[in-house]
N, C-alpha and C. Protein backbone atom coordinates (compact mmCIF):
# COMPACT_ATOMS: atom_id res chain seq x y z
N MET A 1 -17.84 16.49 -35.32
CA MET A 1 -17.93 15.57 -34.18
C MET A 1 -18.92 16.12 -33.15
N ASN A 2 -19.72 15.26 -32.57
CA ASN A 2 -20.67 15.67 -31.55
C ASN A 2 -19.92 16.21 -30.34
N PRO A 3 -20.19 17.48 -29.95
CA PRO A 3 -19.43 18.07 -28.83
C PRO A 3 -19.63 17.35 -27.52
N TYR A 4 -20.75 16.63 -27.40
CA TYR A 4 -21.02 15.91 -26.15
C TYR A 4 -20.15 14.66 -26.00
N PHE A 5 -19.55 14.20 -27.10
CA PHE A 5 -18.71 13.01 -27.06
C PHE A 5 -17.25 13.35 -27.38
N ASN A 6 -16.90 14.61 -27.16
CA ASN A 6 -15.53 15.06 -27.35
C ASN A 6 -14.64 14.44 -26.27
N GLN A 7 -13.62 13.69 -26.70
CA GLN A 7 -12.76 13.00 -25.75
C GLN A 7 -11.92 13.94 -24.90
N GLU A 8 -11.87 15.22 -25.30
CA GLU A 8 -11.11 16.19 -24.52
C GLU A 8 -11.91 16.76 -23.36
N LEU A 9 -13.20 16.44 -23.30
CA LEU A 9 -14.02 16.92 -22.21
C LEU A 9 -13.52 16.34 -20.88
N PRO A 10 -13.56 17.13 -19.79
CA PRO A 10 -13.08 16.64 -18.48
C PRO A 10 -13.72 15.34 -18.03
N VAL A 11 -15.02 15.17 -18.33
CA VAL A 11 -15.70 13.96 -17.87
C VAL A 11 -15.12 12.71 -18.52
N PHE A 12 -14.77 12.81 -19.80
CA PHE A 12 -14.19 11.66 -20.49
C PHE A 12 -12.75 11.41 -20.03
N GLN A 13 -12.02 12.49 -19.75
CA GLN A 13 -10.67 12.35 -19.21
C GLN A 13 -10.70 11.68 -17.84
N PHE A 14 -11.70 12.06 -17.05
CA PHE A 14 -11.85 11.46 -15.71
C PHE A 14 -12.16 9.96 -15.82
N ILE A 15 -13.10 9.61 -16.70
CA ILE A 15 -13.47 8.20 -16.88
C ILE A 15 -12.27 7.40 -17.36
N TYR A 16 -11.52 7.95 -18.31
CA TYR A 16 -10.36 7.26 -18.85
C TYR A 16 -9.32 7.01 -17.75
N LYS A 17 -9.06 8.02 -16.93
CA LYS A 17 -8.08 7.86 -15.86
C LYS A 17 -8.56 6.88 -14.80
N MET A 18 -9.86 6.88 -14.52
CA MET A 18 -10.39 5.94 -13.54
C MET A 18 -10.25 4.50 -14.03
N VAL A 19 -10.46 4.30 -15.32
CA VAL A 19 -10.29 2.95 -15.89
C VAL A 19 -8.83 2.52 -15.75
N LEU A 20 -7.91 3.44 -16.04
CA LEU A 20 -6.49 3.12 -15.88
C LEU A 20 -6.15 2.79 -14.43
N VAL A 21 -6.68 3.58 -13.51
CA VAL A 21 -6.43 3.36 -12.08
C VAL A 21 -6.90 1.97 -11.66
N ILE A 22 -8.10 1.60 -12.09
CA ILE A 22 -8.65 0.29 -11.73
C ILE A 22 -7.80 -0.84 -12.33
N LEU A 23 -7.39 -0.68 -13.60
CA LEU A 23 -6.57 -1.71 -14.25
C LEU A 23 -5.20 -1.84 -13.57
N ILE A 24 -4.61 -0.72 -13.16
CA ILE A 24 -3.33 -0.78 -12.46
C ILE A 24 -3.49 -1.48 -11.12
N GLY A 25 -4.60 -1.21 -10.43
CA GLY A 25 -4.87 -1.88 -9.17
C GLY A 25 -5.04 -3.38 -9.34
N VAL A 26 -5.75 -3.78 -10.38
CA VAL A 26 -5.93 -5.22 -10.67
C VAL A 26 -4.59 -5.86 -10.99
N LEU A 27 -3.77 -5.17 -11.78
CA LEU A 27 -2.44 -5.68 -12.12
C LEU A 27 -1.58 -5.82 -10.87
N GLY A 28 -1.66 -4.84 -9.97
CA GLY A 28 -0.90 -4.90 -8.73
C GLY A 28 -1.31 -6.07 -7.86
N MET A 29 -2.63 -6.30 -7.74
CA MET A 29 -3.11 -7.42 -6.93
C MET A 29 -2.78 -8.77 -7.56
N PHE A 30 -2.83 -8.82 -8.89
CA PHE A 30 -2.49 -10.07 -9.58
C PHE A 30 -1.02 -10.43 -9.35
N CYS A 31 -0.16 -9.43 -9.38
CA CYS A 31 1.27 -9.67 -9.17
C CYS A 31 1.59 -9.93 -7.69
N SER A 32 0.61 -9.74 -6.82
CA SER A 32 0.81 -10.00 -5.38
C SER A 32 0.35 -11.39 -4.98
N ILE A 33 -0.02 -12.20 -5.96
CA ILE A 33 -0.65 -13.48 -5.68
C ILE A 33 0.24 -14.42 -4.88
N PHE A 34 1.57 -14.26 -4.98
CA PHE A 34 2.48 -15.12 -4.23
C PHE A 34 2.89 -14.53 -2.88
N VAL A 35 2.22 -13.46 -2.47
CA VAL A 35 2.40 -12.79 -1.18
C VAL A 35 3.76 -12.10 -1.08
N ILE A 36 4.84 -12.87 -1.22
CA ILE A 36 6.16 -12.27 -1.06
C ILE A 36 6.49 -11.30 -2.22
N THR A 37 5.72 -11.38 -3.30
CA THR A 37 5.90 -10.43 -4.39
C THR A 37 5.01 -9.20 -4.21
N ALA A 38 4.30 -9.14 -3.09
CA ALA A 38 3.38 -8.03 -2.86
C ALA A 38 4.12 -6.70 -2.77
N GLY A 39 5.29 -6.69 -2.14
CA GLY A 39 6.05 -5.46 -1.98
C GLY A 39 6.38 -4.81 -3.31
N PRO A 40 7.06 -5.53 -4.21
CA PRO A 40 7.35 -4.94 -5.53
C PRO A 40 6.08 -4.53 -6.28
N ALA A 41 5.01 -5.33 -6.16
CA ALA A 41 3.78 -5.04 -6.89
C ALA A 41 3.10 -3.78 -6.35
N TRP A 42 3.02 -3.65 -5.02
CA TRP A 42 2.36 -2.47 -4.43
C TRP A 42 3.18 -1.22 -4.66
N THR A 43 4.50 -1.36 -4.61
CA THR A 43 5.36 -0.22 -4.91
C THR A 43 5.16 0.24 -6.34
N ALA A 44 5.12 -0.72 -7.27
CA ALA A 44 4.92 -0.40 -8.68
C ALA A 44 3.53 0.18 -8.92
N MET A 45 2.53 -0.29 -8.19
CA MET A 45 1.18 0.23 -8.35
C MET A 45 1.13 1.71 -8.00
N TYR A 46 1.71 2.07 -6.85
CA TYR A 46 1.73 3.47 -6.44
C TYR A 46 2.54 4.31 -7.45
N ASP A 47 3.69 3.80 -7.84
CA ASP A 47 4.58 4.52 -8.75
C ASP A 47 3.91 4.75 -10.10
N THR A 48 3.23 3.72 -10.62
CA THR A 48 2.60 3.81 -11.93
C THR A 48 1.42 4.77 -11.93
N ILE A 49 0.62 4.73 -10.87
CA ILE A 49 -0.51 5.65 -10.77
C ILE A 49 -0.02 7.10 -10.74
N GLN A 50 1.07 7.34 -10.01
CA GLN A 50 1.61 8.69 -9.93
C GLN A 50 2.15 9.16 -11.29
N LYS A 51 2.94 8.30 -11.94
CA LYS A 51 3.61 8.73 -13.16
C LYS A 51 2.72 8.66 -14.40
N SER A 52 2.04 7.52 -14.58
CA SER A 52 1.30 7.31 -15.83
C SER A 52 -0.10 7.90 -15.81
N VAL A 53 -0.71 8.02 -14.64
CA VAL A 53 -2.08 8.52 -14.56
C VAL A 53 -2.11 9.99 -14.13
N ILE A 54 -1.53 10.28 -13.00
CA ILE A 54 -1.61 11.64 -12.47
C ILE A 54 -0.70 12.60 -13.25
N GLN A 55 0.57 12.18 -13.46
CA GLN A 55 1.50 13.05 -14.17
C GLN A 55 1.48 12.84 -15.69
N GLU A 56 0.82 11.76 -16.12
CA GLU A 56 0.67 11.44 -17.55
C GLU A 56 2.02 11.32 -18.25
N ARG A 57 2.92 10.54 -17.62
CA ARG A 57 4.25 10.32 -18.19
C ARG A 57 4.48 8.84 -18.38
N GLY A 58 4.60 8.40 -19.62
CA GLY A 58 4.93 7.00 -19.88
C GLY A 58 3.73 6.09 -19.92
N SER A 59 3.91 4.94 -20.56
CA SER A 59 2.83 3.96 -20.66
C SER A 59 2.69 3.19 -19.35
N VAL A 60 1.50 2.67 -19.12
CA VAL A 60 1.21 1.99 -17.87
C VAL A 60 2.06 0.74 -17.68
N LEU A 61 2.06 -0.16 -18.67
CA LEU A 61 2.76 -1.42 -18.53
C LEU A 61 4.27 -1.22 -18.41
N LYS A 62 4.82 -0.34 -19.23
CA LYS A 62 6.26 -0.09 -19.18
C LYS A 62 6.67 0.48 -17.83
N THR A 63 5.90 1.45 -17.34
CA THR A 63 6.20 2.07 -16.05
C THR A 63 6.07 1.07 -14.92
N PHE A 64 5.02 0.24 -14.96
CA PHE A 64 4.76 -0.73 -13.90
C PHE A 64 5.90 -1.73 -13.77
N PHE A 65 6.27 -2.36 -14.87
CA PHE A 65 7.29 -3.41 -14.80
C PHE A 65 8.70 -2.83 -14.63
N GLU A 66 8.91 -1.62 -15.10
CA GLU A 66 10.18 -0.95 -14.85
C GLU A 66 10.32 -0.64 -13.37
N SER A 67 9.21 -0.24 -12.74
CA SER A 67 9.23 0.03 -11.30
C SER A 67 9.48 -1.24 -10.50
N ILE A 68 8.88 -2.35 -10.91
CA ILE A 68 9.13 -3.62 -10.24
C ILE A 68 10.62 -3.98 -10.33
N ARG A 69 11.18 -3.84 -11.51
CA ARG A 69 12.60 -4.17 -11.69
C ARG A 69 13.49 -3.28 -10.82
N LYS A 70 13.20 -2.00 -10.80
CA LYS A 70 14.04 -1.04 -10.10
C LYS A 70 13.95 -1.17 -8.58
N ASN A 71 12.76 -1.53 -8.08
CA ASN A 71 12.53 -1.54 -6.63
C ASN A 71 12.41 -2.95 -6.04
N PHE A 72 12.69 -3.97 -6.86
CA PHE A 72 12.38 -5.33 -6.42
C PHE A 72 13.12 -5.73 -5.15
N LYS A 73 14.41 -5.54 -5.11
CA LYS A 73 15.21 -6.04 -3.99
C LYS A 73 14.76 -5.46 -2.66
N GLU A 74 14.70 -4.14 -2.57
CA GLU A 74 14.34 -3.50 -1.30
C GLU A 74 12.91 -3.80 -0.89
N SER A 75 11.98 -3.72 -1.84
CA SER A 75 10.58 -3.96 -1.49
C SER A 75 10.33 -5.43 -1.13
N PHE A 76 11.05 -6.33 -1.80
CA PHE A 76 10.94 -7.76 -1.47
C PHE A 76 11.43 -8.02 -0.04
N LEU A 77 12.58 -7.45 0.30
CA LEU A 77 13.13 -7.64 1.65
C LEU A 77 12.22 -7.03 2.72
N CYS A 78 11.62 -5.90 2.41
CA CYS A 78 10.70 -5.27 3.37
C CYS A 78 9.51 -6.18 3.66
N VAL A 79 8.96 -6.80 2.63
CA VAL A 79 7.82 -7.70 2.83
C VAL A 79 8.24 -8.94 3.60
N VAL A 80 9.42 -9.48 3.31
CA VAL A 80 9.91 -10.65 4.05
C VAL A 80 10.04 -10.33 5.53
N ILE A 81 10.58 -9.17 5.84
CA ILE A 81 10.73 -8.75 7.24
C ILE A 81 9.36 -8.62 7.91
N LEU A 82 8.41 -8.01 7.21
CA LEU A 82 7.06 -7.85 7.77
C LEU A 82 6.38 -9.20 7.98
N LEU A 83 6.58 -10.13 7.05
CA LEU A 83 5.99 -11.46 7.18
C LEU A 83 6.59 -12.22 8.36
N LEU A 84 7.90 -12.11 8.52
CA LEU A 84 8.55 -12.77 9.66
C LEU A 84 8.06 -12.17 10.97
N TYR A 85 7.96 -10.86 11.01
CA TYR A 85 7.47 -10.17 12.20
C TYR A 85 6.04 -10.61 12.51
N GLY A 86 5.19 -10.67 11.47
CA GLY A 86 3.82 -11.11 11.66
C GLY A 86 3.74 -12.56 12.12
N ALA A 87 4.65 -13.39 11.60
CA ALA A 87 4.66 -14.80 12.00
C ALA A 87 5.03 -14.95 13.47
N VAL A 88 6.00 -14.16 13.94
CA VAL A 88 6.40 -14.22 15.35
C VAL A 88 5.25 -13.78 16.25
N VAL A 89 4.62 -12.66 15.89
CA VAL A 89 3.49 -12.17 16.69
C VAL A 89 2.32 -13.15 16.64
N GLY A 90 2.05 -13.68 15.45
CA GLY A 90 0.96 -14.64 15.31
C GLY A 90 1.19 -15.90 16.11
N THR A 91 2.44 -16.35 16.16
CA THR A 91 2.77 -17.54 16.95
C THR A 91 2.53 -17.27 18.43
N GLY A 92 2.92 -16.09 18.88
CA GLY A 92 2.69 -15.73 20.28
C GLY A 92 1.22 -15.68 20.62
N VAL A 93 0.42 -15.12 19.73
CA VAL A 93 -1.03 -15.07 19.94
C VAL A 93 -1.63 -16.47 19.98
N TYR A 94 -1.14 -17.34 19.09
CA TYR A 94 -1.67 -18.70 19.03
C TYR A 94 -1.39 -19.45 20.34
N PHE A 95 -0.16 -19.40 20.82
CA PHE A 95 0.18 -20.13 22.04
C PHE A 95 -0.55 -19.57 23.25
N CYS A 96 -0.72 -18.26 23.30
CA CYS A 96 -1.48 -17.66 24.41
C CYS A 96 -2.95 -18.08 24.36
N THR A 97 -3.46 -18.24 23.14
CA THR A 97 -4.85 -18.69 22.99
C THR A 97 -5.00 -20.12 23.47
N VAL A 98 -4.05 -20.98 23.08
CA VAL A 98 -4.09 -22.38 23.51
C VAL A 98 -3.94 -22.50 25.02
N LEU A 99 -2.96 -21.76 25.58
CA LEU A 99 -2.76 -21.80 27.02
C LEU A 99 -3.93 -21.17 27.77
N GLY A 100 -4.59 -20.20 27.12
CA GLY A 100 -5.74 -19.56 27.74
C GLY A 100 -6.91 -20.49 27.94
N GLN A 101 -6.96 -21.58 27.18
CA GLN A 101 -8.03 -22.57 27.35
C GLN A 101 -7.85 -23.38 28.63
N LYS A 102 -6.59 -23.42 29.10
CA LYS A 102 -6.30 -24.14 30.34
C LYS A 102 -6.20 -23.19 31.53
N ASN A 103 -5.69 -22.00 31.24
CA ASN A 103 -5.53 -21.00 32.29
C ASN A 103 -6.04 -19.66 31.76
N ALA A 104 -7.12 -19.18 32.32
CA ALA A 104 -7.77 -17.97 31.81
C ALA A 104 -6.84 -16.76 31.83
N GLY A 105 -5.84 -16.79 32.69
CA GLY A 105 -4.93 -15.66 32.79
C GLY A 105 -4.14 -15.41 31.52
N PHE A 106 -3.88 -16.47 30.75
CA PHE A 106 -3.12 -16.32 29.51
C PHE A 106 -3.95 -15.68 28.40
N GLY A 107 -5.26 -15.73 28.52
CA GLY A 107 -6.12 -15.14 27.48
C GLY A 107 -5.86 -13.66 27.29
N PHE A 108 -5.53 -12.97 28.37
CA PHE A 108 -5.27 -11.52 28.29
C PHE A 108 -4.00 -11.22 27.50
N TYR A 109 -3.01 -12.11 27.63
CA TYR A 109 -1.72 -11.86 26.98
C TYR A 109 -1.81 -11.91 25.46
N ARG A 110 -2.77 -12.67 24.93
CA ARG A 110 -2.87 -12.74 23.47
C ARG A 110 -3.24 -11.37 22.89
N TYR A 111 -4.02 -10.60 23.64
CA TYR A 111 -4.37 -9.26 23.17
C TYR A 111 -3.16 -8.32 23.26
N MET A 112 -2.37 -8.51 24.31
CA MET A 112 -1.17 -7.69 24.45
C MET A 112 -0.18 -7.97 23.32
N ILE A 113 0.01 -9.25 23.04
CA ILE A 113 0.93 -9.63 21.95
C ILE A 113 0.37 -9.21 20.60
N GLY A 114 -0.94 -9.40 20.42
CA GLY A 114 -1.57 -9.01 19.16
C GLY A 114 -1.44 -7.53 18.87
N ALA A 115 -1.35 -6.72 19.92
CA ALA A 115 -1.21 -5.27 19.74
C ALA A 115 0.09 -4.90 19.05
N PHE A 116 1.07 -5.81 19.09
CA PHE A 116 2.34 -5.53 18.42
C PHE A 116 2.20 -5.52 16.89
N LEU A 117 1.06 -5.98 16.38
CA LEU A 117 0.83 -5.90 14.95
C LEU A 117 0.49 -4.48 14.50
N LEU A 118 0.00 -3.67 15.43
CA LEU A 118 -0.44 -2.32 15.06
C LEU A 118 0.67 -1.47 14.43
N PRO A 119 1.89 -1.46 15.01
CA PRO A 119 2.94 -0.64 14.37
C PRO A 119 3.21 -1.04 12.92
N ALA A 120 3.19 -2.35 12.66
CA ALA A 120 3.43 -2.82 11.29
C ALA A 120 2.31 -2.37 10.36
N LEU A 121 1.08 -2.45 10.83
CA LEU A 121 -0.06 -2.04 10.01
C LEU A 121 -0.05 -0.54 9.75
N MET A 122 0.42 0.23 10.71
CA MET A 122 0.38 1.69 10.59
C MET A 122 1.46 2.24 9.66
N ILE A 123 2.56 1.50 9.48
CA ILE A 123 3.62 2.00 8.59
C ILE A 123 3.41 1.57 7.14
N LEU A 124 2.56 0.60 6.91
CA LEU A 124 2.37 0.10 5.54
C LEU A 124 1.98 1.19 4.55
N PRO A 125 1.07 2.12 4.91
CA PRO A 125 0.72 3.16 3.92
C PRO A 125 1.90 4.02 3.49
N TYR A 126 2.94 4.13 4.33
CA TYR A 126 4.10 4.96 4.01
C TYR A 126 5.22 4.18 3.33
N LEU A 127 5.33 2.91 3.66
CA LEU A 127 6.49 2.12 3.24
C LEU A 127 6.63 2.04 1.73
N PHE A 128 5.56 1.69 1.03
CA PHE A 128 5.67 1.47 -0.41
C PHE A 128 5.76 2.76 -1.23
N PRO A 129 5.07 3.84 -0.84
CA PRO A 129 5.35 5.12 -1.52
C PRO A 129 6.80 5.57 -1.35
N LEU A 130 7.36 5.37 -0.16
CA LEU A 130 8.77 5.70 0.05
C LEU A 130 9.67 4.87 -0.86
N LEU A 131 9.37 3.60 -0.97
CA LEU A 131 10.16 2.71 -1.83
C LEU A 131 10.11 3.16 -3.29
N SER A 132 8.98 3.70 -3.70
CA SER A 132 8.83 4.10 -5.10
C SER A 132 9.55 5.40 -5.42
N ARG A 133 9.86 6.19 -4.40
CA ARG A 133 10.35 7.54 -4.64
C ARG A 133 11.78 7.81 -4.20
N PHE A 134 12.23 7.15 -3.11
CA PHE A 134 13.49 7.55 -2.50
C PHE A 134 14.48 6.40 -2.40
N VAL A 135 15.74 6.76 -2.30
CA VAL A 135 16.82 5.79 -2.20
C VAL A 135 17.29 5.72 -0.75
N TYR A 136 16.90 4.65 -0.06
CA TYR A 136 17.33 4.39 1.32
C TYR A 136 17.80 2.94 1.41
N THR A 137 18.38 2.59 2.54
CA THR A 137 18.59 1.18 2.86
C THR A 137 17.27 0.63 3.40
N VAL A 138 17.16 -0.69 3.49
CA VAL A 138 15.94 -1.30 4.01
C VAL A 138 15.65 -0.81 5.43
N LYS A 139 16.70 -0.74 6.26
CA LYS A 139 16.55 -0.25 7.63
C LYS A 139 16.02 1.17 7.64
N GLU A 140 16.55 2.01 6.76
CA GLU A 140 16.14 3.41 6.70
C GLU A 140 14.70 3.56 6.22
N TYR A 141 14.24 2.67 5.34
CA TYR A 141 12.85 2.72 4.91
C TYR A 141 11.91 2.52 6.10
N PHE A 142 12.24 1.57 6.96
CA PHE A 142 11.40 1.33 8.14
C PHE A 142 11.47 2.50 9.12
N ILE A 143 12.66 3.01 9.33
CA ILE A 143 12.83 4.14 10.25
C ILE A 143 12.04 5.35 9.75
N MET A 144 12.16 5.66 8.47
CA MET A 144 11.44 6.81 7.91
C MET A 144 9.94 6.58 7.93
N SER A 145 9.51 5.35 7.70
CA SER A 145 8.08 5.04 7.75
C SER A 145 7.51 5.27 9.14
N TYR A 146 8.27 4.83 10.17
CA TYR A 146 7.82 5.06 11.55
C TYR A 146 7.82 6.54 11.88
N TYR A 147 8.82 7.25 11.39
CA TYR A 147 8.88 8.69 11.64
C TYR A 147 7.67 9.40 11.05
N LEU A 148 7.37 9.10 9.79
CA LEU A 148 6.22 9.73 9.14
C LEU A 148 4.90 9.31 9.78
N CYS A 149 4.84 8.05 10.18
CA CYS A 149 3.64 7.53 10.84
C CYS A 149 3.31 8.33 12.09
N ILE A 150 4.31 8.64 12.88
CA ILE A 150 4.10 9.39 14.12
C ILE A 150 3.96 10.89 13.84
N ARG A 151 4.82 11.39 12.94
CA ARG A 151 4.81 12.84 12.64
C ARG A 151 3.48 13.27 12.05
N HIS A 152 2.88 12.42 11.23
CA HIS A 152 1.60 12.75 10.58
C HIS A 152 0.53 11.78 11.07
N PHE A 153 0.34 11.75 12.37
CA PHE A 153 -0.53 10.73 12.97
C PHE A 153 -1.98 10.83 12.48
N ALA A 154 -2.47 12.06 12.32
CA ALA A 154 -3.85 12.22 11.84
C ALA A 154 -4.01 11.62 10.44
N SER A 155 -3.03 11.88 9.57
CA SER A 155 -3.07 11.30 8.24
C SER A 155 -2.93 9.78 8.29
N THR A 156 -2.11 9.28 9.23
CA THR A 156 -1.95 7.84 9.39
C THR A 156 -3.29 7.19 9.73
N CYS A 157 -4.03 7.79 10.63
CA CYS A 157 -5.36 7.27 10.98
C CYS A 157 -6.28 7.25 9.77
N LEU A 158 -6.23 8.33 8.97
CA LEU A 158 -7.06 8.39 7.77
C LEU A 158 -6.68 7.30 6.78
N PHE A 159 -5.38 7.11 6.58
CA PHE A 159 -4.92 6.06 5.66
C PHE A 159 -5.38 4.68 6.13
N CYS A 160 -5.26 4.42 7.43
CA CYS A 160 -5.65 3.12 7.97
C CYS A 160 -7.15 2.89 7.83
N ILE A 161 -7.94 3.94 8.01
CA ILE A 161 -9.39 3.81 7.84
C ILE A 161 -9.72 3.46 6.39
N LEU A 162 -9.08 4.15 5.46
CA LEU A 162 -9.32 3.90 4.04
C LEU A 162 -8.93 2.48 3.64
N ILE A 163 -7.73 2.07 4.05
CA ILE A 163 -7.20 0.77 3.61
C ILE A 163 -7.85 -0.39 4.35
N TYR A 164 -7.75 -0.38 5.68
CA TYR A 164 -8.24 -1.52 6.45
C TYR A 164 -9.76 -1.50 6.61
N GLY A 165 -10.34 -0.27 6.59
CA GLY A 165 -11.80 -0.18 6.63
C GLY A 165 -12.42 -0.75 5.37
N SER A 166 -11.82 -0.47 4.22
CA SER A 166 -12.33 -1.02 2.95
C SER A 166 -12.19 -2.53 2.92
N LEU A 167 -11.06 -3.03 3.43
CA LEU A 167 -10.85 -4.48 3.49
C LEU A 167 -11.88 -5.14 4.38
N ALA A 168 -12.16 -4.52 5.52
CA ALA A 168 -13.15 -5.07 6.45
C ALA A 168 -14.55 -5.08 5.82
N LEU A 169 -14.89 -4.02 5.10
CA LEU A 169 -16.21 -3.96 4.46
C LEU A 169 -16.38 -5.06 3.42
N VAL A 170 -15.31 -5.30 2.64
CA VAL A 170 -15.38 -6.36 1.62
C VAL A 170 -15.58 -7.72 2.28
N ILE A 171 -14.92 -7.94 3.41
CA ILE A 171 -15.04 -9.22 4.11
C ILE A 171 -16.41 -9.38 4.75
N LEU A 172 -16.90 -8.30 5.36
CA LEU A 172 -18.15 -8.36 6.13
C LEU A 172 -19.40 -8.21 5.28
N VAL A 173 -19.28 -7.56 4.13
CA VAL A 173 -20.44 -7.33 3.27
C VAL A 173 -20.23 -8.06 1.94
N PRO A 174 -20.79 -9.24 1.80
CA PRO A 174 -20.57 -10.06 0.58
C PRO A 174 -20.91 -9.33 -0.72
N ARG A 175 -21.90 -8.46 -0.70
CA ARG A 175 -22.31 -7.77 -1.93
C ARG A 175 -21.21 -6.86 -2.48
N LEU A 176 -20.33 -6.43 -1.62
CA LEU A 176 -19.26 -5.54 -2.06
C LEU A 176 -18.12 -6.29 -2.75
N ARG A 177 -18.11 -7.60 -2.61
CA ARG A 177 -17.01 -8.37 -3.19
C ARG A 177 -16.99 -8.31 -4.71
N SER A 178 -18.13 -8.04 -5.31
CA SER A 178 -18.20 -7.96 -6.77
C SER A 178 -17.47 -6.74 -7.32
N ILE A 179 -17.26 -5.72 -6.48
CA ILE A 179 -16.54 -4.53 -6.93
C ILE A 179 -15.16 -4.41 -6.26
N SER A 180 -14.77 -5.45 -5.54
CA SER A 180 -13.51 -5.39 -4.80
C SER A 180 -12.30 -5.21 -5.71
N PHE A 181 -12.42 -5.66 -6.97
CA PHE A 181 -11.30 -5.53 -7.90
C PHE A 181 -10.95 -4.06 -8.17
N ALA A 182 -11.92 -3.17 -7.99
CA ALA A 182 -11.69 -1.76 -8.28
C ALA A 182 -11.09 -1.01 -7.10
N LEU A 183 -11.15 -1.59 -5.91
CA LEU A 183 -10.74 -0.86 -4.71
C LEU A 183 -9.25 -0.57 -4.59
N PRO A 184 -8.35 -1.52 -4.90
CA PRO A 184 -6.92 -1.22 -4.70
C PRO A 184 -6.45 0.04 -5.40
N GLY A 185 -6.78 0.19 -6.67
CA GLY A 185 -6.36 1.37 -7.41
C GLY A 185 -6.99 2.64 -6.89
N ILE A 186 -8.29 2.59 -6.59
CA ILE A 186 -9.00 3.77 -6.11
C ILE A 186 -8.46 4.21 -4.75
N ILE A 187 -8.25 3.25 -3.86
CA ILE A 187 -7.71 3.58 -2.53
C ILE A 187 -6.30 4.17 -2.67
N CYS A 188 -5.52 3.62 -3.58
CA CYS A 188 -4.16 4.11 -3.80
C CYS A 188 -4.18 5.58 -4.23
N VAL A 189 -5.11 5.93 -5.11
CA VAL A 189 -5.24 7.33 -5.56
C VAL A 189 -5.65 8.23 -4.40
N LEU A 190 -6.63 7.78 -3.61
CA LEU A 190 -7.10 8.59 -2.48
C LEU A 190 -5.99 8.82 -1.46
N VAL A 191 -5.23 7.77 -1.18
CA VAL A 191 -4.11 7.89 -0.24
C VAL A 191 -3.04 8.82 -0.80
N SER A 192 -2.79 8.73 -2.10
CA SER A 192 -1.71 9.50 -2.71
C SER A 192 -1.94 11.00 -2.66
N VAL A 193 -3.19 11.44 -2.58
CA VAL A 193 -3.48 12.88 -2.54
C VAL A 193 -2.77 13.53 -1.36
N LYS A 194 -2.92 12.92 -0.19
CA LYS A 194 -2.24 13.43 1.00
C LYS A 194 -0.80 12.96 1.08
N MET A 195 -0.54 11.74 0.63
CA MET A 195 0.79 11.16 0.73
C MET A 195 1.82 11.98 -0.03
N GLU A 196 1.47 12.46 -1.21
CA GLU A 196 2.42 13.24 -2.00
C GLU A 196 2.80 14.54 -1.31
N LYS A 197 1.87 15.14 -0.60
CA LYS A 197 2.18 16.35 0.16
C LYS A 197 3.15 16.04 1.29
N ILE A 198 2.97 14.87 1.91
CA ILE A 198 3.87 14.46 2.99
C ILE A 198 5.26 14.16 2.44
N LEU A 199 5.32 13.41 1.34
CA LEU A 199 6.62 13.04 0.77
C LEU A 199 7.38 14.25 0.23
N SER A 200 6.65 15.27 -0.19
CA SER A 200 7.30 16.46 -0.75
C SER A 200 8.10 17.22 0.30
N THR A 201 7.83 16.95 1.58
CA THR A 201 8.56 17.63 2.65
C THR A 201 9.90 16.95 2.96
N LEU A 202 10.11 15.77 2.42
CA LEU A 202 11.34 15.04 2.70
C LEU A 202 12.48 15.54 1.83
N VAL A 203 13.65 15.57 2.41
CA VAL A 203 14.84 15.95 1.67
C VAL A 203 15.67 14.68 1.49
N SER A 204 15.67 14.15 0.30
CA SER A 204 16.40 12.92 0.02
C SER A 204 16.66 12.84 -1.47
N LYS A 205 17.40 11.85 -1.84
CA LYS A 205 17.72 11.66 -3.25
C LYS A 205 16.60 10.91 -3.93
N ASP A 206 15.97 11.55 -4.90
CA ASP A 206 14.86 10.94 -5.63
C ASP A 206 15.39 9.85 -6.53
N LYS A 207 14.66 8.75 -6.64
CA LYS A 207 15.12 7.63 -7.47
C LYS A 207 15.20 8.00 -8.95
N GLU A 208 14.39 8.97 -9.38
CA GLU A 208 14.42 9.33 -10.77
C GLU A 208 15.76 9.96 -11.15
N ASP A 209 16.49 10.49 -10.16
CA ASP A 209 17.79 11.06 -10.45
C ASP A 209 18.82 10.01 -10.81
N ASP A 210 18.52 8.74 -10.46
CA ASP A 210 19.47 7.66 -10.73
C ASP A 210 19.32 7.11 -12.14
N THR A 211 18.19 7.41 -12.78
CA THR A 211 17.92 6.80 -14.10
C THR A 211 18.46 7.66 -15.22
């Protein structure tokens, strides 16, 4: 066999894992198409990349759908809560915008109300990795996400730049939309490098102990 095409070479292993990461990201986004299923899908995406790609344990499809089954209830409820919260804030911004057309003083309040979206956006990078790894109640998932968000604020800023910065680039730069399918998985891997170090400091019951 030609040594340059040996599948055991690191470069081929890297390419193979990157293909898996991209496919898992595409699968996660496809399963998020109904919005309210985004929680189980994103949780499964993070879980599958960690187990099937990084740790090389189990097949991709089996791990992905097993993770959806195992984490569906909690992750579904978390997304419903976030959507309701976003709807309340969005309604407040809308009414302040409408009233601001008649009274300029109300225009300022829409920015104040809109700022309430920031806490929700800042905990998202932590919420789904926690769901994939630990056994909490829905309330405890949010509390722990806020705790980690504040405790590791520098990492939170980095996560937000990676996630929301990439989303903004895809929206603002049309040429990047052709490769947008590859971004979810790649961003998930980049976030997980630091995220796993953060999660390793937590003392809790790992979900794998329940299986």
